PDB file of all heavy atoms in Angstrom:
ATOM      1  N   ALA A   1     -20.224  15.852 -17.800  1.00  0.00           N
ATOM      2  CA  ALA A   1     -19.174  15.077 -17.130  1.00  0.00           C
ATOM      3  C   ALA A   1     -18.627  15.765 -15.890  1.00  0.00           C
ATOM      4  O   ALA A   1     -17.652  15.290 -15.306  1.00  0.00           O
ATOM      5  CB  ALA A   1     -18.029  14.821 -18.122  1.00  0.00           C
ATOM      6  N   LEU A   2     -19.235  16.872 -15.480  1.00  0.00           N
ATOM      7  CA  LEU A   2     -18.625  17.686 -14.430  1.00  0.00           C
ATOM      8  C   LEU A   2     -18.581  17.006 -13.068  1.00  0.00           C
ATOM      9  O   LEU A   2     -17.655  17.253 -12.288  1.00  0.00           O
ATOM     10  CB  LEU A   2     -19.319  19.048 -14.329  1.00  0.00           C
ATOM     11  CG  LEU A   2     -18.960  20.028 -15.451  1.00  0.00           C
ATOM     12  CD1 LEU A   2     -19.629  21.381 -15.201  1.00  0.00           C
ATOM     13  CD2 LEU A   2     -17.460  20.210 -15.572  1.00  0.00           C
ATOM     14  N   ASP A   3     -19.532  16.151 -12.759  1.00  0.00           N
ATOM     15  CA  ASP A   3     -19.448  15.437 -11.482  1.00  0.00           C
ATOM     16  C   ASP A   3     -18.206  14.548 -11.456  1.00  0.00           C
ATOM     17  O   ASP A   3     -17.473  14.510 -10.452  1.00  0.00           O
ATOM     18  CB  ASP A   3     -20.702  14.588 -11.258  1.00  0.00           C
ATOM     19  CG  ASP A   3     -21.920  15.416 -10.883  1.00  0.00           C
ATOM     20  OD1 ASP A   3     -21.757  16.608 -10.548  1.00  0.00           O
ATOM     21  OD2 ASP A   3     -23.044  14.872 -10.934  1.00  0.00           O
ATOM     22  N   ALA A   4     -17.970  13.848 -12.554  1.00  0.00           N
ATOM     23  CA  ALA A   4     -16.787  12.985 -12.644  1.00  0.00           C
ATOM     24  C   ALA A   4     -15.509  13.818 -12.670  1.00  0.00           C
ATOM     25  O   ALA A   4     -14.508  13.458 -12.033  1.00  0.00           O
ATOM     26  CB  ALA A   4     -16.866  12.103 -13.886  1.00  0.00           C
ATOM     27  N   LYS A   5     -15.548  14.940 -13.371  1.00  0.00           N
ATOM     28  CA  LYS A   5     -14.361  15.789 -13.456  1.00  0.00           C
ATOM     29  C   LYS A   5     -14.013  16.367 -12.087  1.00  0.00           C
ATOM     30  O   LYS A   5     -12.846  16.359 -11.682  1.00  0.00           O
ATOM     31  CB  LYS A   5     -14.588  16.913 -14.470  1.00  0.00           C
ATOM     32  CG  LYS A   5     -13.403  17.862 -14.616  1.00  0.00           C
ATOM     33  CD  LYS A   5     -13.552  18.777 -15.822  1.00  0.00           C
ATOM     34  CE  LYS A   5     -12.364  19.722 -15.953  1.00  0.00           C
ATOM     35  NZ  LYS A   5     -12.349  20.455 -17.230  1.00  0.00           N
ATOM     36  N   ARG A   6     -15.005  16.848 -11.363  1.00  0.00           N
ATOM     37  CA  ARG A   6     -14.752  17.405 -10.034  1.00  0.00           C
ATOM     38  C   ARG A   6     -14.221  16.322  -9.093  1.00  0.00           C
ATOM     39  O   ARG A   6     -13.287  16.548  -8.327  1.00  0.00           O
ATOM     40  CB  ARG A   6     -16.010  18.041  -9.455  1.00  0.00           C
ATOM     41  CG  ARG A   6     -15.708  18.971  -8.270  1.00  0.00           C
ATOM     42  CD  ARG A   6     -16.950  19.324  -7.469  1.00  0.00           C
ATOM     43  NE  ARG A   6     -17.983  20.013  -8.190  1.00  0.00           N
ATOM     44  CZ  ARG A   6     -18.278  21.320  -8.050  1.00  0.00           C
ATOM     45  NH1 ARG A   6     -17.563  22.082  -7.237  1.00  0.00           N
ATOM     46  NH2 ARG A   6     -19.272  21.861  -8.732  1.00  0.00           N
ATOM     47  N   ALA A   7     -14.811  15.113  -9.180  1.00  0.00           N
ATOM     48  CA  ALA A   7     -14.346  14.008  -8.338  1.00  0.00           C
ATOM     49  C   ALA A   7     -12.905  13.639  -8.672  1.00  0.00           C
ATOM     50  O   ALA A   7     -12.103  13.333  -7.776  1.00  0.00           O
ATOM     51  CB  ALA A   7     -15.258  12.799  -8.519  1.00  0.00           C
ATOM     52  N   ALA A   8     -12.558  13.661  -9.959  1.00  0.00           N
ATOM     53  CA  ALA A   8     -11.194  13.332 -10.368  1.00  0.00           C
ATOM     54  C   ALA A   8     -10.204  14.384  -9.890  1.00  0.00           C
ATOM     55  O   ALA A   8      -9.090  14.063  -9.460  1.00  0.00           O
ATOM     56  CB  ALA A   8     -11.123  13.184 -11.891  1.00  0.00           C
ATOM     57  N   ILE A   9     -10.587  15.649  -9.954  1.00  0.00           N
ATOM     58  CA  ILE A   9      -9.728  16.714  -9.434  1.00  0.00           C
ATOM     59  C   ILE A   9      -9.513  16.507  -7.933  1.00  0.00           C
ATOM     60  O   ILE A   9      -8.387  16.597  -7.429  1.00  0.00           O
ATOM     61  CB  ILE A   9     -10.351  18.097  -9.715  1.00  0.00           C
ATOM     62  CG1 ILE A   9     -10.358  18.387 -11.221  1.00  0.00           C
ATOM     63  CG2 ILE A   9      -9.587  19.195  -8.969  1.00  0.00           C
ATOM     64  CD1 ILE A   9     -11.150  19.625 -11.609  1.00  0.00           C
ATOM     65  N   ARG A  10     -10.576  16.205  -7.222  1.00  0.00           N
ATOM     66  CA  ARG A  10     -10.481  15.995  -5.780  1.00  0.00           C
ATOM     67  C   ARG A  10      -9.622  14.786  -5.426  1.00  0.00           C
ATOM     68  O   ARG A  10      -9.074  14.710  -4.326  1.00  0.00           O
ATOM     69  CB  ARG A  10     -11.880  15.820  -5.192  1.00  0.00           C
ATOM     70  CG  ARG A  10     -12.659  17.124  -5.048  1.00  0.00           C
ATOM     71  CD  ARG A  10     -14.057  16.857  -4.530  1.00  0.00           C
ATOM     72  NE  ARG A  10     -14.732  18.104  -4.151  1.00  0.00           N
ATOM     73  CZ  ARG A  10     -16.050  18.264  -4.110  1.00  0.00           C
ATOM     74  NH1 ARG A  10     -16.830  17.242  -4.417  1.00  0.00           N
ATOM     75  NH2 ARG A  10     -16.574  19.413  -3.753  1.00  0.00           N
ATOM     76  N   ALA A  11      -9.522  13.833  -6.349  1.00  0.00           N
ATOM     77  CA  ALA A  11      -8.718  12.635  -6.084  1.00  0.00           C
ATOM     78  C   ALA A  11      -7.241  12.971  -5.903  1.00  0.00           C
ATOM     79  O   ALA A  11      -6.508  12.209  -5.275  1.00  0.00           O
ATOM     80  CB  ALA A  11      -8.889  11.621  -7.216  1.00  0.00           C
ATOM     81  N   HIS A  12      -6.811  14.108  -6.428  1.00  0.00           N
ATOM     82  CA  HIS A  12      -5.411  14.523  -6.304  1.00  0.00           C
ATOM     83  C   HIS A  12      -5.237  15.284  -4.989  1.00  0.00           C
ATOM     84  O   HIS A  12      -4.956  16.482  -4.962  1.00  0.00           O
ATOM     85  CB  HIS A  12      -5.003  15.362  -7.515  1.00  0.00           C
ATOM     86  CG  HIS A  12      -4.991  14.576  -8.792  1.00  0.00           C
ATOM     87  ND1 HIS A  12      -3.941  13.758  -9.140  1.00  0.00           N
ATOM     88  CD2 HIS A  12      -5.910  14.455  -9.772  1.00  0.00           C
ATOM     89  CE1 HIS A  12      -4.201  13.180 -10.302  1.00  0.00           C
ATOM     90  NE2 HIS A  12      -5.388  13.578 -10.705  1.00  0.00           N
ATOM     91  N   VAL A  13      -5.410  14.562  -3.894  1.00  0.00           N
ATOM     92  CA  VAL A  13      -5.514  15.196  -2.582  1.00  0.00           C
ATOM     93  C   VAL A  13      -4.221  15.867  -2.135  1.00  0.00           C
ATOM     94  O   VAL A  13      -4.257  16.814  -1.345  1.00  0.00           O
ATOM     95  CB  VAL A  13      -5.967  14.179  -1.521  1.00  0.00           C
ATOM     96  CG1 VAL A  13      -7.384  13.717  -1.791  1.00  0.00           C
ATOM     97  CG2 VAL A  13      -5.030  12.971  -1.478  1.00  0.00           C
ATOM     98  N   SER A  14      -3.060  15.410  -2.604  1.00  0.00           N
ATOM     99  CA  SER A  14      -1.814  16.056  -2.190  1.00  0.00           C
ATOM    100  C   SER A  14      -1.659  17.428  -2.825  1.00  0.00           C
ATOM    101  O   SER A  14      -1.004  18.313  -2.266  1.00  0.00           O
ATOM    102  CB  SER A  14      -0.609  15.180  -2.555  1.00  0.00           C
ATOM    103  OG  SER A  14      -0.424  15.124  -3.961  1.00  0.00           O
ATOM    104  N   GLN A  15      -2.267  17.626  -3.987  1.00  0.00           N
ATOM    105  CA  GLN A  15      -2.081  18.857  -4.746  1.00  0.00           C
ATOM    106  C   GLN A  15      -3.202  19.859  -4.563  1.00  0.00           C
ATOM    107  O   GLN A  15      -2.999  21.064  -4.726  1.00  0.00           O
ATOM    108  CB  GLN A  15      -1.974  18.524  -6.249  1.00  0.00           C
ATOM    109  CG  GLN A  15      -0.913  17.493  -6.587  1.00  0.00           C
ATOM    110  CD  GLN A  15       0.455  17.948  -6.159  1.00  0.00           C
ATOM    111  OE1 GLN A  15       0.959  18.970  -6.636  1.00  0.00           O
ATOM    112  NE2 GLN A  15       1.077  17.219  -5.241  1.00  0.00           N
ATOM    113  N   ILE A  16      -4.391  19.372  -4.258  1.00  0.00           N
ATOM    114  CA  ILE A  16      -5.568  20.233  -4.293  1.00  0.00           C
ATOM    115  C   ILE A  16      -6.312  20.127  -2.965  1.00  0.00           C
ATOM    116  O   ILE A  16      -6.945  19.101  -2.678  1.00  0.00           O
ATOM    117  CB  ILE A  16      -6.487  19.832  -5.463  1.00  0.00           C
ATOM    118  CG1 ILE A  16      -5.709  19.937  -6.787  1.00  0.00           C
ATOM    119  CG2 ILE A  16      -7.726  20.720  -5.494  1.00  0.00           C
ATOM    120  CD1 ILE A  16      -6.405  19.310  -7.967  1.00  0.00           C
ATOM    121  N   PRO A  17      -6.234  21.151  -2.130  1.00  0.00           N
ATOM    122  CA  PRO A  17      -6.929  21.108  -0.838  1.00  0.00           C
ATOM    123  C   PRO A  17      -8.433  20.927  -1.015  1.00  0.00           C
ATOM    124  O   PRO A  17      -9.009  21.324  -2.036  1.00  0.00           O
ATOM    125  CB  PRO A  17      -6.612  22.485  -0.231  1.00  0.00           C
ATOM    126  CG  PRO A  17      -5.384  22.964  -0.944  1.00  0.00           C
ATOM    127  CD  PRO A  17      -5.484  22.410  -2.331  1.00  0.00           C
ATOM    128  N   ALA A  18      -9.060  20.329  -0.020  1.00  0.00           N
ATOM    129  CA  ALA A  18     -10.501  20.077  -0.094  1.00  0.00           C
ATOM    130  C   ALA A  18     -11.293  21.369  -0.252  1.00  0.00           C
ATOM    131  O   ALA A  18     -12.387  21.375  -0.823  1.00  0.00           O
ATOM    132  CB  ALA A  18     -10.949  19.320   1.145  1.00  0.00           C
ATOM    133  N   ASP A  19     -10.754  22.465   0.279  1.00  0.00           N
ATOM    134  CA  ASP A  19     -11.448  23.752   0.175  1.00  0.00           C
ATOM    135  C   ASP A  19     -10.888  24.631  -0.931  1.00  0.00           C
ATOM    136  O   ASP A  19     -11.085  25.845  -0.949  1.00  0.00           O
ATOM    137  CB  ASP A  19     -11.380  24.497   1.510  1.00  0.00           C
ATOM    138  CG  ASP A  19      -9.944  24.782   1.943  1.00  0.00           C
ATOM    139  OD1 ASP A  19      -8.998  24.281   1.292  1.00  0.00           O
ATOM    140  OD2 ASP A  19      -9.772  25.514   2.938  1.00  0.00           O
ATOM    141  N   SER A  20     -10.172  24.018  -1.882  1.00  0.00           N
ATOM    142  CA  SER A  20      -9.627  24.763  -3.016  1.00  0.00           C
ATOM    143  C   SER A  20     -10.733  25.567  -3.702  1.00  0.00           C
ATOM    144  O   SER A  20     -11.862  25.092  -3.858  1.00  0.00           O
ATOM    145  CB  SER A  20      -8.998  23.796  -4.021  1.00  0.00           C
ATOM    146  OG  SER A  20      -8.667  24.450  -5.223  1.00  0.00           O
ATOM    147  N   PHE A  21     -10.423  26.770  -4.129  1.00  0.00           N
ATOM    148  CA  PHE A  21     -11.411  27.684  -4.700  1.00  0.00           C
ATOM    149  C   PHE A  21     -12.208  27.031  -5.820  1.00  0.00           C
ATOM    150  O   PHE A  21     -13.443  27.007  -5.796  1.00  0.00           O
ATOM    151  CB  PHE A  21     -10.706  28.945  -5.214  1.00  0.00           C
ATOM    152  CG  PHE A  21     -11.622  29.938  -5.876  1.00  0.00           C
ATOM    153  CD1 PHE A  21     -12.369  30.824  -5.125  1.00  0.00           C
ATOM    154  CD2 PHE A  21     -11.741  29.976  -7.260  1.00  0.00           C
ATOM    155  CE1 PHE A  21     -13.225  31.735  -5.732  1.00  0.00           C
ATOM    156  CE2 PHE A  21     -12.583  30.878  -7.880  1.00  0.00           C
ATOM    157  CZ  PHE A  21     -13.339  31.758  -7.110  1.00  0.00           C
ATOM    158  N   PHE A  22     -11.516  26.463  -6.815  1.00  0.00           N
ATOM    159  CA  PHE A  22     -12.228  25.935  -7.975  1.00  0.00           C
ATOM    160  C   PHE A  22     -13.015  24.678  -7.641  1.00  0.00           C
ATOM    161  O   PHE A  22     -14.122  24.462  -8.146  1.00  0.00           O
ATOM    162  CB  PHE A  22     -11.254  25.686  -9.135  1.00  0.00           C
ATOM    163  CG  PHE A  22     -10.866  26.932  -9.864  1.00  0.00           C
ATOM    164  CD1 PHE A  22      -9.647  27.540  -9.632  1.00  0.00           C
ATOM    165  CD2 PHE A  22     -11.749  27.530 -10.750  1.00  0.00           C
ATOM    166  CE1 PHE A  22      -9.299  28.715 -10.290  1.00  0.00           C
ATOM    167  CE2 PHE A  22     -11.414  28.703 -11.419  1.00  0.00           C
ATOM    168  CZ  PHE A  22     -10.185  29.298 -11.181  1.00  0.00           C
ATOM    169  N   VAL A  23     -12.480  23.837  -6.772  1.00  0.00           N
ATOM    170  CA  VAL A  23     -13.193  22.621  -6.384  1.00  0.00           C
ATOM    171  C   VAL A  23     -14.454  22.964  -5.601  1.00  0.00           C
ATOM    172  O   VAL A  23     -15.482  22.287  -5.708  1.00  0.00           O
ATOM    173  CB  VAL A  23     -12.281  21.697  -5.561  1.00  0.00           C
ATOM    174  CG1 VAL A  23     -13.072  20.528  -4.988  1.00  0.00           C
ATOM    175  CG2 VAL A  23     -11.145  21.162  -6.431  1.00  0.00           C
ATOM    176  N   ALA A  24     -14.389  24.040  -4.809  1.00  0.00           N
ATOM    177  CA  ALA A  24     -15.514  24.418  -3.951  1.00  0.00           C
ATOM    178  C   ALA A  24     -16.571  25.259  -4.660  1.00  0.00           C
ATOM    179  O   ALA A  24     -17.617  25.552  -4.076  1.00  0.00           O
ATOM    180  CB  ALA A  24     -14.986  25.191  -2.735  1.00  0.00           C
ATOM    181  N   LEU A  25     -16.352  25.636  -5.898  1.00  0.00           N
ATOM    182  CA  LEU A  25     -17.317  26.466  -6.618  1.00  0.00           C
ATOM    183  C   LEU A  25     -18.678  25.786  -6.719  1.00  0.00           C
ATOM    184  O   LEU A  25     -18.762  24.571  -6.889  1.00  0.00           O
ATOM    185  CB  LEU A  25     -16.809  26.743  -8.039  1.00  0.00           C
ATOM    186  CG  LEU A  25     -15.684  27.756  -8.209  1.00  0.00           C
ATOM    187  CD1 LEU A  25     -15.181  27.741  -9.646  1.00  0.00           C
ATOM    188  CD2 LEU A  25     -16.143  29.165  -7.827  1.00  0.00           C
ATOM    189  N   PRO A  26     -19.756  26.552  -6.617  1.00  0.00           N
ATOM    190  CA  PRO A  26     -21.079  25.971  -6.864  1.00  0.00           C
ATOM    191  C   PRO A  26     -21.168  25.502  -8.318  1.00  0.00           C
ATOM    192  O   PRO A  26     -20.382  25.922  -9.172  1.00  0.00           O
ATOM    193  CB  PRO A  26     -22.037  27.134  -6.580  1.00  0.00           C
ATOM    194  CG  PRO A  26     -21.204  28.369  -6.731  1.00  0.00           C
ATOM    195  CD  PRO A  26     -19.823  27.990  -6.304  1.00  0.00           C
ATOM    196  N   ASP A  27     -22.137  24.639  -8.596  1.00  0.00           N
ATOM    197  CA  ASP A  27     -22.190  23.962  -9.892  1.00  0.00           C
ATOM    198  C   ASP A  27     -22.168  24.924 -11.074  1.00  0.00           C
ATOM    199  O   ASP A  27     -21.454  24.704 -12.052  1.00  0.00           O
ATOM    200  CB  ASP A  27     -23.442  23.086  -9.974  1.00  0.00           C
ATOM    201  CG  ASP A  27     -23.366  21.875  -9.055  1.00  0.00           C
ATOM    202  OD1 ASP A  27     -22.264  21.585  -8.541  1.00  0.00           O
ATOM    203  OD2 ASP A  27     -24.412  21.224  -8.843  1.00  0.00           O
ATOM    204  N   GLU A  28     -22.972  25.990 -11.012  1.00  0.00           N
ATOM    205  CA  GLU A  28     -23.057  26.916 -12.141  1.00  0.00           C
ATOM    206  C   GLU A  28     -21.714  27.598 -12.398  1.00  0.00           C
ATOM    207  O   GLU A  28     -21.278  27.751 -13.549  1.00  0.00           O
ATOM    208  CB  GLU A  28     -24.139  27.971 -11.888  1.00  0.00           C
ATOM    209  CG  GLU A  28     -24.380  28.889 -13.076  1.00  0.00           C
ATOM    210  CD  GLU A  28     -25.474  29.904 -12.817  1.00  0.00           C
ATOM    211  OE1 GLU A  28     -26.039  29.916 -11.698  1.00  0.00           O
ATOM    212  OE2 GLU A  28     -25.759  30.698 -13.726  1.00  0.00           O
ATOM    213  N   ALA A  29     -21.029  27.986 -11.330  1.00  0.00           N
ATOM    214  CA  ALA A  29     -19.733  28.641 -11.474  1.00  0.00           C
ATOM    215  C   ALA A  29     -18.669  27.636 -11.937  1.00  0.00           C
ATOM    216  O   ALA A  29     -17.803  27.963 -12.750  1.00  0.00           O
ATOM    217  CB  ALA A  29     -19.316  29.279 -10.158  1.00  0.00           C
ATOM    218  N   PHE A  30     -18.734  26.414 -11.411  1.00  0.00           N
ATOM    219  CA  PHE A  30     -17.792  25.378 -11.828  1.00  0.00           C
ATOM    220  C   PHE A  30     -17.946  25.103 -13.319  1.00  0.00           C
ATOM    221  O   PHE A  30     -16.956  24.925 -14.045  1.00  0.00           O
ATOM    222  CB  PHE A  30     -18.038  24.104 -11.020  1.00  0.00           C
ATOM    223  CG  PHE A  30     -16.991  23.043 -11.187  1.00  0.00           C
ATOM    224  CD1 PHE A  30     -15.736  23.177 -10.600  1.00  0.00           C
ATOM    225  CD2 PHE A  30     -17.249  21.897 -11.927  1.00  0.00           C
ATOM    226  CE1 PHE A  30     -14.768  22.191 -10.738  1.00  0.00           C
ATOM    227  CE2 PHE A  30     -16.299  20.905 -12.070  1.00  0.00           C
ATOM    228  CZ  PHE A  30     -15.048  21.055 -11.483  1.00  0.00           C
ATOM    229  N   ALA A  31     -19.185  25.102 -13.796  1.00  0.00           N
ATOM    230  CA  ALA A  31     -19.429  24.891 -15.222  1.00  0.00           C
ATOM    231  C   ALA A  31     -18.886  26.048 -16.054  1.00  0.00           C
ATOM    232  O   ALA A  31     -18.346  25.836 -17.148  1.00  0.00           O
ATOM    233  CB  ALA A  31     -20.924  24.727 -15.469  1.00  0.00           C
ATOM    234  N   LEU A  32     -19.004  27.267 -15.548  1.00  0.00           N
ATOM    235  CA  LEU A  32     -18.467  28.422 -16.264  1.00  0.00           C
ATOM    236  C   LEU A  32     -16.956  28.333 -16.385  1.00  0.00           C
ATOM    237  O   LEU A  32     -16.377  28.611 -17.440  1.00  0.00           O
ATOM    238  CB  LEU A  32     -18.860  29.717 -15.541  1.00  0.00           C
ATOM    239  CG  LEU A  32     -18.318  31.024 -16.129  1.00  0.00           C
ATOM    240  CD1 LEU A  32     -18.841  31.245 -17.551  1.00  0.00           C
ATOM    241  CD2 LEU A  32     -18.686  32.210 -15.229  1.00  0.00           C
ATOM    242  N   ALA A  33     -16.305  27.913 -15.309  1.00  0.00           N
ATOM    243  CA  ALA A  33     -14.847  27.861 -15.291  1.00  0.00           C
ATOM    244  C   ALA A  33     -14.289  26.653 -16.030  1.00  0.00           C
ATOM    245  O   ALA A  33     -13.296  26.759 -16.756  1.00  0.00           O
ATOM    246  CB  ALA A  33     -14.344  27.859 -13.843  1.00  0.00           C
ATOM    247  N   LEU A  34     -14.922  25.484 -15.837  1.00  0.00           N
ATOM    248  CA  LEU A  34     -14.321  24.231 -16.308  1.00  0.00           C
ATOM    249  C   LEU A  34     -15.268  23.374 -17.138  1.00  0.00           C
ATOM    250  O   LEU A  34     -14.960  22.212 -17.409  1.00  0.00           O
ATOM    251  CB  LEU A  34     -13.831  23.421 -15.104  1.00  0.00           C
ATOM    252  CG  LEU A  34     -12.735  24.084 -14.267  1.00  0.00           C
ATOM    253  CD1 LEU A  34     -12.463  23.274 -12.993  1.00  0.00           C
ATOM    254  CD2 LEU A  34     -11.445  24.226 -15.059  1.00  0.00           C
ATOM    255  N   GLY A  35     -16.377  23.942 -17.577  1.00  0.00           N
ATOM    256  CA  GLY A  35     -17.370  23.173 -18.319  1.00  0.00           C
ATOM    257  C   GLY A  35     -17.120  23.051 -19.800  1.00  0.00           C
ATOM    258  O   GLY A  35     -17.894  22.394 -20.509  1.00  0.00           O
ATOM    259  N   THR A  36     -16.062  23.672 -20.286  1.00  0.00           N
ATOM    260  CA  THR A  36     -15.667  23.529 -21.689  1.00  0.00           C
ATOM    261  C   THR A  36     -14.182  23.219 -21.736  1.00  0.00           C
ATOM    262  O   THR A  36     -13.399  23.792 -20.965  1.00  0.00           O
ATOM    263  CB  THR A  36     -15.938  24.818 -22.492  1.00  0.00           C
ATOM    264  OG1 THR A  36     -17.311  25.187 -22.369  1.00  0.00           O
ATOM    265  CG2 THR A  36     -15.617  24.627 -23.969  1.00  0.00           C
TER     266      THR A  36
END
């Protein structure tokens, strides 16, 4: 579900900059941080 989760996080544009560290993580790192 990580594509949908990342897109949903990005939808909160007032709170989360487009270049936010966690949003910008490559897929493998994003999965490590937020995949569970």
